[in-house]
Amino acid sequence: MPDKLQSGAAFVADQRKGVIALLLSTTGMGLTGLLTRGATRPEFFGTEVVAGEPIGAFMTLGRMVCALIVFAIMLIATHRARLFRDTRLTSSIILGGLCVGIAMSLYMVSTLLTTLADAIFLIYTGPLFCTILARIFRRERIDAAQWICLLFVFAGMLLTSGMVSLKETGISFGFDLATSEPGYPKKGLGDALGLLSGLFYGASLFFNGYRKDCDSIVRGVWNFAAASVGSLVVACVLCAFWPLGEVTMDPANWGFAFALWMICGPFALGLLLVAGRNLPAVEYSTIAYWECVVSLLVSALVYQEPLSSSTIVGGAFIVAGGMLPALRSLLPAKEKPCP
């Protein structure tokens, strides 16, 4: 069991700072699919990958190592070396990093196997898992409206992952890894990896809810060190069952890779840590859905990817279930009558 939340008064959450950080972070991460495809495909609009889809996990490794280097430089530049040494390292910090490295590796492989819409909707089942974990282990209260929203997200997960499909003949049930679509011969596997990335993403959000007393830069160094290990493990496991082959990247691929590592690494993931430190789990989980909007815009405007009826309905359920609590929180609180 992770360490308990620190109850001291040393840290005061800044909600405005958390919201701004989360919006910037999710905008950057919404470009992950675009940059990953640019870095790994010989032709930008093609479907062939330079060395097989497992290269997506190695791209994640580069992303995490880049973030680690940048945060280590920031640690030294801001004279936090002593604070880093004195900070108590706990399981929640390491587990949060490991889970985010695994989640992002699976997600980036998923973006090469299935549509960007399916990949982003499936990883964003993560807040559902996060909220459930927070309810079980931190006893965070969930009211009736939030339960309804969770059911929306769960139903959306079933539809987007293909466990439930909407067809002209009616509703069908079952998950088939052999499911494919034109241009996506391994779509079923991509959706499965996308759902698995959502599970680990939710776990990372849950673990990041602990140790809010920890400085963001100090935590970032530990998180990205653990995330680098997590992404390397995923890359090695995938290559054991799925040979990588010869990597042939041209200058354009390397340019996209560098943009991926910087924008989706230290920039987006660093701001994600700031947001997680300043926002409660439910608010964090709902505002984060902005990444879905960015990724869908890329999917529609850049790749003109088709959306199945199941994806459209499932995605709408996921976004609605995520955004309704955020909109609800903007309403003025009801004043209680004076006794």
Protein backbone atom coordinates (compact mmCIF):
# COMPACT_ATOMS: atom_id res chain seq x y z
CA MET A 1 0.00 0.00 0.00
CA PRO A 2 1.41 3.43 -0.97
CA ASP A 3 2.38 5.96 1.62
CA LYS A 4 -0.34 8.03 3.21
CA LEU A 5 -1.05 11.58 2.10
CA GLN A 6 0.93 14.13 3.99
CA SER A 7 -1.35 16.18 6.21
CA GLY A 8 1.04 19.06 6.96
CA ALA A 9 0.25 22.64 5.97
CA ALA A 10 3.46 23.13 3.96
CA PHE A 11 1.68 22.88 0.58
CA VAL A 12 -1.40 24.83 -0.53
CA ALA A 13 -2.98 23.75 -3.83
CA ASP A 14 -3.41 26.44 -6.51
CA GLN A 15 -6.48 25.45 -8.55
CA ARG A 16 -5.96 28.09 -11.26
CA LYS A 17 -2.35 27.01 -11.75
CA GLY A 18 -3.46 23.40 -11.93
CA VAL A 19 -6.12 24.07 -14.58
CA ILE A 20 -3.75 26.08 -16.81
CA ALA A 21 -1.03 23.44 -16.47
CA LEU A 22 -3.46 20.65 -17.32
CA LEU A 23 -4.85 22.40 -20.42
CA LEU A 24 -1.35 23.05 -21.77
CA SER A 25 -0.27 19.51 -20.93
CA THR A 26 -3.23 17.80 -22.57
CA THR A 27 -2.86 19.97 -25.69
CA GLY A 28 0.73 18.77 -26.04
CA MET A 29 -0.19 15.15 -25.38
CA GLY A 30 -3.03 15.37 -27.88
CA LEU A 31 -0.34 15.65 -30.56
CA THR A 32 1.26 12.33 -29.53
CA GLY A 33 -0.39 10.27 -32.27
CA LEU A 34 0.52 12.79 -34.99
CA LEU A 35 4.17 13.04 -33.91
CA THR A 36 4.53 9.29 -33.33
CA ARG A 37 3.30 8.49 -36.82
CA GLY A 38 5.56 11.17 -38.30
CA ALA A 39 8.53 9.69 -36.46
CA THR A 40 7.90 6.06 -37.37
CA ARG A 41 6.39 6.01 -40.88
CA PRO A 42 8.38 6.29 -44.12
CA GLU A 43 5.41 8.16 -45.61
CA PHE A 44 3.55 10.60 -43.39
CA PHE A 45 0.11 9.48 -44.61
CA GLY A 46 1.09 5.85 -45.15
CA THR A 47 0.50 2.87 -42.88
CA GLU A 48 3.88 1.12 -43.17
CA VAL A 49 6.11 1.51 -40.10
CA VAL A 50 9.90 1.81 -40.36
CA ALA A 51 10.65 -1.22 -38.15
CA GLY A 52 7.35 -2.66 -36.97
CA GLU A 53 4.89 -1.24 -34.46
CA PRO A 54 6.97 -2.03 -31.32
CA ILE A 55 9.11 0.98 -32.27
CA GLY A 56 6.36 3.05 -30.65
CA ALA A 57 7.53 1.75 -27.25
CA PHE A 58 11.11 2.81 -28.02
CA MET A 59 9.80 6.25 -28.98
CA THR A 60 8.23 6.37 -25.53
CA LEU A 61 11.58 5.46 -24.00
CA GLY A 62 13.18 8.40 -25.80
CA ARG A 63 10.35 10.63 -24.61
CA MET A 64 10.84 9.63 -20.97
CA VAL A 65 14.64 9.82 -21.06
CA CYS A 66 14.42 13.28 -22.62
CA ALA A 67 12.08 14.39 -19.85
CA LEU A 68 14.42 12.91 -17.25
CA ILE A 69 17.41 14.83 -18.66
CA VAL A 70 15.52 18.12 -18.80
CA PHE A 71 14.21 17.74 -15.26
CA ALA A 72 17.68 16.78 -13.97
CA ILE A 73 19.08 19.97 -15.54
CA MET A 74 16.25 21.98 -13.95
CA LEU A 75 16.99 20.33 -10.60
CA ILE A 76 20.60 21.50 -10.74
CA ALA A 77 19.81 24.94 -12.21
CA THR A 78 17.27 25.73 -9.48
CA HIS A 79 19.60 24.52 -6.70
CA ARG A 80 17.33 21.68 -5.61
CA ALA A 81 20.06 19.04 -5.31
CA ARG A 82 19.91 19.14 -1.52
CA LEU A 83 16.11 19.02 -1.58
CA PHE A 84 16.32 16.01 -3.91
CA ARG A 85 18.68 14.26 -1.50
CA ASP A 86 16.51 15.03 1.53
CA THR A 87 13.17 14.10 -0.06
CA ARG A 88 11.86 10.77 1.17
CA LEU A 89 11.42 8.41 -1.78
CA THR A 90 8.26 6.33 -1.44
CA SER A 91 6.44 3.65 -3.37
CA SER A 92 3.77 6.00 -4.76
CA ILE A 93 6.38 8.11 -6.57
CA ILE A 94 8.05 5.08 -8.16
CA LEU A 95 4.79 3.31 -9.01
CA GLY A 96 3.33 6.47 -10.53
CA GLY A 97 6.36 6.74 -12.83
CA LEU A 98 6.41 3.05 -13.76
CA CYS A 99 2.71 3.07 -14.62
CA VAL A 100 2.90 6.19 -16.78
CA GLY A 101 5.87 4.73 -18.70
CA ILE A 102 3.97 1.49 -19.34
CA ALA A 103 0.75 3.34 -20.23
CA MET A 104 2.38 5.70 -22.73
CA SER A 105 4.34 2.88 -24.37
CA LEU A 106 1.20 0.83 -24.93
CA TYR A 107 -0.68 3.91 -26.13
CA MET A 108 1.97 4.92 -28.66
CA VAL A 109 2.02 1.39 -30.10
CA SER A 110 -1.77 1.52 -30.20
CA THR A 111 -1.72 4.73 -32.30
CA LEU A 112 0.19 2.79 -34.97
CA LEU A 113 -2.29 -0.10 -35.02
CA THR A 114 -5.70 1.54 -34.75
CA THR A 115 -7.35 4.90 -35.40
CA LEU A 116 -6.28 7.87 -33.30
CA ALA A 117 -9.88 8.19 -32.10
CA ASP A 118 -9.97 4.65 -30.71
CA ALA A 119 -6.50 4.96 -29.16
CA ILE A 120 -7.24 8.23 -27.36
CA PHE A 121 -10.70 7.22 -26.16
CA LEU A 122 -9.39 3.94 -24.77
CA ILE A 123 -6.48 5.43 -22.84
CA TYR A 124 -8.93 7.94 -21.42
CA THR A 125 -10.77 5.20 -19.64
CA GLY A 126 -7.86 5.79 -17.22
CA PRO A 127 -9.73 8.37 -15.11
CA LEU A 128 -12.46 5.75 -14.61
CA PHE A 129 -9.92 3.33 -13.13
CA CYS A 130 -8.33 6.19 -11.16
CA THR A 131 -11.63 7.20 -9.58
CA ILE A 132 -12.44 3.59 -8.65
CA LEU A 133 -9.01 3.15 -7.05
CA ALA A 134 -9.38 6.45 -5.19
CA ARG A 135 -12.76 5.32 -3.89
CA ILE A 136 -11.41 1.96 -2.69
CA PHE A 137 -8.08 2.99 -1.19
CA ARG A 138 -8.50 6.68 -0.30
CA ARG A 139 -12.18 6.51 0.51
CA GLU A 140 -12.85 9.53 -1.72
CA ARG A 141 -16.58 10.21 -1.81
CA ILE A 142 -18.48 9.69 -5.07
CA ASP A 143 -22.00 11.08 -5.24
CA ALA A 144 -24.90 9.82 -7.37
CA ALA A 145 -24.17 12.17 -10.29
CA GLN A 146 -20.54 11.07 -10.40
CA TRP A 147 -21.58 7.40 -10.40
CA ILE A 148 -23.79 8.11 -13.42
CA CYS A 149 -20.85 9.75 -15.18
CA LEU A 150 -18.67 6.73 -14.40
CA LEU A 151 -21.29 4.48 -15.95
CA PHE A 152 -21.20 6.67 -19.07
CA VAL A 153 -17.43 6.23 -19.29
CA PHE A 154 -17.72 2.47 -18.72
CA ALA A 155 -20.35 2.15 -21.47
CA GLY A 156 -18.16 4.22 -23.78
CA MET A 157 -15.21 1.93 -23.06
CA LEU A 158 -17.27 -1.13 -24.04
CA LEU A 159 -18.32 0.49 -27.33
CA THR A 160 -14.96 1.99 -28.31
CA SER A 161 -12.98 -1.16 -27.49
CA GLY A 162 -15.29 -3.32 -29.59
CA MET A 163 -16.59 -5.37 -26.66
CA VAL A 164 -20.01 -4.05 -27.66
CA SER A 165 -20.64 -3.10 -31.29
CA LEU A 166 -23.47 -1.20 -32.94
CA LYS A 167 -24.34 -2.75 -36.30
CA GLU A 168 -27.21 -2.55 -38.77
CA THR A 169 -28.39 -5.94 -37.54
CA GLY A 170 -28.38 -4.79 -33.91
CA ILE A 171 -26.04 -4.85 -30.94
CA SER A 172 -23.33 -7.53 -30.82
CA PHE A 173 -21.10 -8.56 -27.92
CA GLY A 174 -17.58 -9.97 -27.79
CA PHE A 175 -13.99 -8.82 -28.32
CA ASP A 176 -12.11 -10.14 -31.35
CA LEU A 177 -8.37 -9.42 -31.63
CA ALA A 178 -8.57 -10.33 -35.31
CA THR A 179 -10.92 -7.42 -36.02
CA SER A 180 -9.53 -5.26 -38.81
CA GLU A 181 -10.55 -2.32 -40.98
CA PRO A 182 -9.18 -0.98 -44.28
CA GLY A 183 -5.76 0.49 -43.49
CA TYR A 184 -5.74 -1.06 -40.00
CA PRO A 185 -5.22 -4.84 -40.34
CA LYS A 186 -4.34 -5.16 -36.62
CA LYS A 187 -7.02 -2.86 -35.28
CA GLY A 188 -8.30 -5.37 -32.72
CA LEU A 189 -4.86 -5.71 -31.18
CA GLY A 190 -4.44 -1.94 -31.23
CA ASP A 191 -7.72 -1.48 -29.37
CA ALA A 192 -6.70 -4.11 -26.80
CA LEU A 193 -3.39 -2.33 -26.16
CA GLY A 194 -5.26 0.98 -25.98
CA LEU A 195 -7.57 -0.37 -23.27
CA LEU A 196 -4.59 -1.78 -21.37
CA SER A 197 -2.89 1.62 -21.59
CA GLY A 198 -6.00 3.13 -20.00
CA LEU A 199 -5.71 0.75 -17.05
CA PHE A 200 -2.08 1.72 -16.39
CA TYR A 201 -2.83 5.40 -17.01
CA GLY A 202 -5.53 5.27 -14.36
CA ALA A 203 -3.09 3.63 -11.94
CA SER A 204 -0.54 6.39 -12.58
CA LEU A 205 -3.15 9.08 -11.88
CA PHE A 206 -4.05 7.30 -8.66
CA PHE A 207 -0.46 7.05 -7.42
CA ASN A 208 0.21 10.69 -8.36
CA GLY A 209 -2.50 11.65 -5.86
CA TYR A 210 -0.09 10.75 -3.04
CA ARG A 211 2.87 12.72 -1.68
CA LYS A 212 1.56 16.14 -2.76
CA ASP A 213 4.14 17.63 -0.42
CA CYS A 214 6.87 16.55 -2.85
CA ASP A 215 8.39 19.31 -5.00
CA SER A 216 7.31 19.03 -8.68
CA ILE A 217 10.85 19.05 -10.10
CA VAL A 218 12.15 16.56 -7.55
CA ARG A 219 9.18 14.30 -8.20
CA GLY A 220 9.63 14.71 -11.93
CA VAL A 221 13.19 13.36 -11.79
CA TRP A 222 12.09 10.26 -9.87
CA ASN A 223 8.91 9.82 -11.98
CA PHE A 224 10.71 9.99 -15.30
CA ALA A 225 13.51 7.71 -14.13
CA ALA A 226 10.87 5.11 -13.20
CA ALA A 227 8.91 5.82 -16.41
CA SER A 228 12.05 5.19 -18.47
CA VAL A 229 12.39 1.79 -16.82
CA GLY A 230 8.69 1.04 -17.41
CA SER A 231 8.84 1.95 -21.10
CA LEU A 232 12.06 -0.06 -21.58
CA VAL A 233 10.39 -3.12 -20.03
CA VAL A 234 7.42 -2.79 -22.41
CA ALA A 235 9.72 -2.36 -25.41
CA CYS A 236 11.72 -5.48 -24.49
CA VAL A 237 8.60 -7.57 -23.84
CA LEU A 238 7.04 -6.54 -27.16
CA CYS A 239 10.23 -7.29 -29.07
CA ALA A 240 10.41 -10.74 -27.48
CA PHE A 241 7.10 -11.66 -29.15
CA TRP A 242 7.12 -9.19 -32.03
CA PRO A 243 10.51 -8.81 -33.78
CA LEU A 244 11.47 -5.17 -34.33
CA GLY A 245 13.54 -5.60 -37.47
CA GLU A 246 15.91 -3.05 -38.98
CA VAL A 247 15.23 0.58 -38.09
CA THR A 248 15.52 2.95 -41.07
CA MET A 249 14.59 6.51 -40.10
CA ASP A 250 15.22 9.46 -42.44
CA PRO A 251 15.89 13.08 -41.30
CA ALA A 252 12.16 13.89 -41.32
CA ASN A 253 11.48 10.93 -39.01
CA TRP A 254 14.18 12.12 -36.61
CA GLY A 255 12.73 15.64 -36.69
CA PHE A 256 9.31 14.35 -35.69
CA ALA A 257 10.94 12.13 -33.05
CA PHE A 258 12.73 15.10 -31.48
CA ALA A 259 9.49 17.12 -31.47
CA LEU A 260 7.71 14.15 -29.89
CA TRP A 261 10.33 13.76 -27.17
CA MET A 262 10.32 17.47 -26.27
CA ILE A 263 6.63 18.43 -26.62
CA CYS A 264 5.13 15.20 -25.27
CA GLY A 265 7.98 14.62 -22.82
CA PRO A 266 9.28 17.34 -20.50
CA PHE A 267 6.70 19.92 -21.59
CA ALA A 268 3.46 17.92 -21.42
CA LEU A 269 4.39 15.38 -18.76
CA GLY A 270 6.09 17.99 -16.60
CA LEU A 271 2.96 20.14 -16.57
CA LEU A 272 0.94 17.00 -15.84
CA LEU A 273 2.81 16.64 -12.55
CA VAL A 274 2.06 20.27 -11.68
CA ALA A 275 -1.63 19.71 -12.43
CA GLY A 276 -1.78 16.49 -10.42
CA ARG A 277 -0.31 18.30 -7.44
CA ASN A 278 -2.82 21.17 -7.54
CA LEU A 279 -6.11 19.52 -8.54
CA PRO A 280 -8.31 16.89 -6.83
CA ALA A 281 -8.75 13.54 -8.61
CA VAL A 282 -12.25 14.18 -10.02
CA GLU A 283 -11.48 17.66 -11.40
CA TYR A 284 -8.14 16.48 -12.76
CA SER A 285 -9.82 13.52 -14.44
CA THR A 286 -12.49 15.62 -16.15
CA ILE A 287 -10.47 18.55 -17.51
CA ALA A 288 -7.90 16.09 -18.89
CA TYR A 289 -10.42 15.08 -21.58
CA TRP A 290 -9.31 18.11 -23.61
CA GLU A 291 -6.62 15.79 -24.98
CA CYS A 292 -9.38 13.76 -26.66
CA VAL A 293 -10.58 16.86 -28.52
CA VAL A 294 -7.06 17.68 -29.76
CA SER A 295 -6.43 14.10 -30.90
CA LEU A 296 -9.81 13.89 -32.65
CA LEU A 297 -9.07 17.12 -34.52
CA VAL A 298 -5.78 15.62 -35.70
CA SER A 299 -7.56 12.40 -36.69
CA ALA A 300 -10.22 14.21 -38.69
CA LEU A 301 -8.25 17.11 -40.20
CA VAL A 302 -4.91 15.44 -40.90
CA TYR A 303 -5.68 11.77 -41.52
CA GLN A 304 -9.39 11.88 -42.41
CA GLU A 305 -9.85 8.68 -40.42
CA PRO A 306 -13.33 7.16 -40.54
CA LEU A 307 -15.31 6.91 -37.32
CA SER A 308 -17.52 3.87 -36.79
CA SER A 309 -20.90 4.29 -35.13
CA SER A 310 -19.56 2.43 -32.08
CA THR A 311 -16.60 4.81 -31.80
CA ILE A 312 -18.80 7.89 -32.20
CA VAL A 313 -21.33 6.81 -29.56
CA GLY A 314 -18.66 5.36 -27.25
CA GLY A 315 -16.49 8.46 -27.55
CA ALA A 316 -19.46 10.70 -26.84
CA PHE A 317 -20.21 8.67 -23.70
CA ILE A 318 -16.59 8.90 -22.52
CA VAL A 319 -16.34 12.65 -23.10
CA ALA A 320 -19.76 13.29 -21.56
CA GLY A 321 -18.94 11.19 -18.53
CA GLY A 322 -15.70 13.07 -18.13
CA MET A 323 -16.85 16.60 -18.83
CA LEU A 324 -20.18 16.74 -17.00
CA PRO A 325 -18.59 16.84 -13.52
CA ALA A 326 -16.31 19.67 -14.69
CA LEU A 327 -19.26 21.69 -16.03
CA ARG A 328 -21.19 20.92 -12.87
CA SER A 329 -18.35 22.27 -10.75
CA LEU A 330 -18.64 25.63 -12.55
CA LEU A 331 -22.17 26.14 -11.30
CA PRO A 332 -22.49 28.39 -8.24
CA ALA A 333 -22.75 26.48 -4.99
CA LYS A 334 -26.16 26.46 -3.36
CA GLU A 335 -26.27 28.65 -0.30
CA LYS A 336 -27.48 26.95 2.83
CA PRO A 337 -30.16 28.87 4.77
CA CYS A 338 -29.05 30.38 8.05
CA PRO A 339 -30.39 28.59 11.12
